[in-house]
Amino acid sequence: MFRKKIVLDKELFERASRFAQEKGYSDLAEWVTDLIEEEMKRGEGSPGGKEEDEVKKRLQGLGYIS
């Protein structure tokens, strides 16, 4: 596996490590990898802002925007 380091604030690292452990991940790297993969899937699944268009339609239907 290719490894690359990122820099995190100490407090953020500690909070994220605890959170990952609470969620059942073996370590922070596993959780971050999962987050990145899920975010990329969401981005790839909505080419052209499809999700944004759906939100606009809902807001128009509710009368919040015209």
Protein backbone atom coordinates (compact mmCIF):
# COMPACT_ATOMS: atom_id res chain seq x y z
CA MET A 1 0.00 0.00 0.00
CA PHE A 2 1.23 3.47 -0.87
CA ARG A 3 1.52 5.75 2.16
CA LYS A 4 1.44 9.52 2.19
CA LYS A 5 1.35 11.68 5.31
CA ILE A 6 -1.01 14.53 6.05
CA VAL A 7 -0.74 17.10 8.83
CA LEU A 8 -3.52 17.51 11.37
CA ASP A 9 -3.85 19.70 14.42
CA LYS A 10 -3.12 17.61 17.53
CA GLU A 11 -6.58 18.19 19.03
CA LEU A 12 -8.32 17.30 15.77
CA PHE A 13 -6.20 14.17 15.42
CA GLU A 14 -7.08 13.02 18.94
CA ARG A 15 -10.81 13.72 18.51
CA ALA A 16 -10.90 12.01 15.12
CA SER A 17 -8.98 9.00 16.45
CA ARG A 18 -11.48 8.58 19.31
CA PHE A 19 -14.39 8.98 16.92
CA ALA A 20 -12.99 6.39 14.50
CA GLN A 21 -12.46 3.96 17.36
CA GLU A 22 -16.04 4.51 18.63
CA LYS A 23 -17.34 3.77 15.14
CA GLY A 24 -15.45 0.47 15.03
CA TYR A 25 -12.58 1.37 12.71
CA SER A 26 -9.20 -0.22 13.47
CA ASP A 27 -7.45 3.16 13.24
CA LEU A 28 -7.82 6.71 12.00
CA ALA A 29 -6.31 5.89 8.60
CA GLU A 30 -9.02 3.31 7.91
CA TRP A 31 -11.76 5.81 8.79
CA VAL A 32 -10.23 8.60 6.70
CA THR A 33 -9.86 6.24 3.74
CA ASP A 34 -13.52 5.29 4.05
CA LEU A 35 -14.56 8.95 4.25
CA ILE A 36 -12.58 9.88 1.16
CA GLU A 37 -13.96 6.95 -0.84
CA GLU A 38 -17.56 7.77 0.14
CA GLU A 39 -17.16 11.45 -0.67
CA MET A 40 -15.67 10.63 -4.06
CA LYS A 41 -18.57 8.27 -4.82
CA ARG A 42 -21.04 11.05 -3.96
CA GLY A 43 -19.18 13.46 -6.22
CA GLU A 44 -18.97 10.97 -9.08
CA GLY A 45 -22.64 10.09 -8.71
CA SER A 46 -23.87 13.62 -9.33
CA PRO A 47 -22.31 14.95 -12.53
CA GLY A 48 -23.38 18.47 -13.42
CA GLY A 49 -24.76 19.23 -9.97
CA LYS A 50 -27.73 16.90 -10.22
CA GLU A 51 -28.22 16.93 -6.44
CA GLU A 52 -28.09 20.72 -6.37
CA ASP A 53 -30.77 20.89 -9.07
CA GLU A 54 -33.00 18.55 -7.04
CA VAL A 55 -32.61 20.72 -3.95
CA LYS A 56 -33.48 23.85 -5.94
CA LYS A 57 -36.62 22.17 -7.29
CA ARG A 58 -37.68 21.18 -3.78
CA LEU A 59 -37.09 24.70 -2.46
CA GLN A 60 -39.07 26.18 -5.36
CA GLY A 61 -41.91 23.77 -4.68
CA LEU A 62 -41.96 24.88 -1.06
CA GLY A 63 -41.97 28.54 -2.10
CA TYR A 64 -38.59 29.40 -0.57
CA ILE A 65 -37.07 30.46 -3.89
CA SER A 66 -38.59 31.51 -7.20
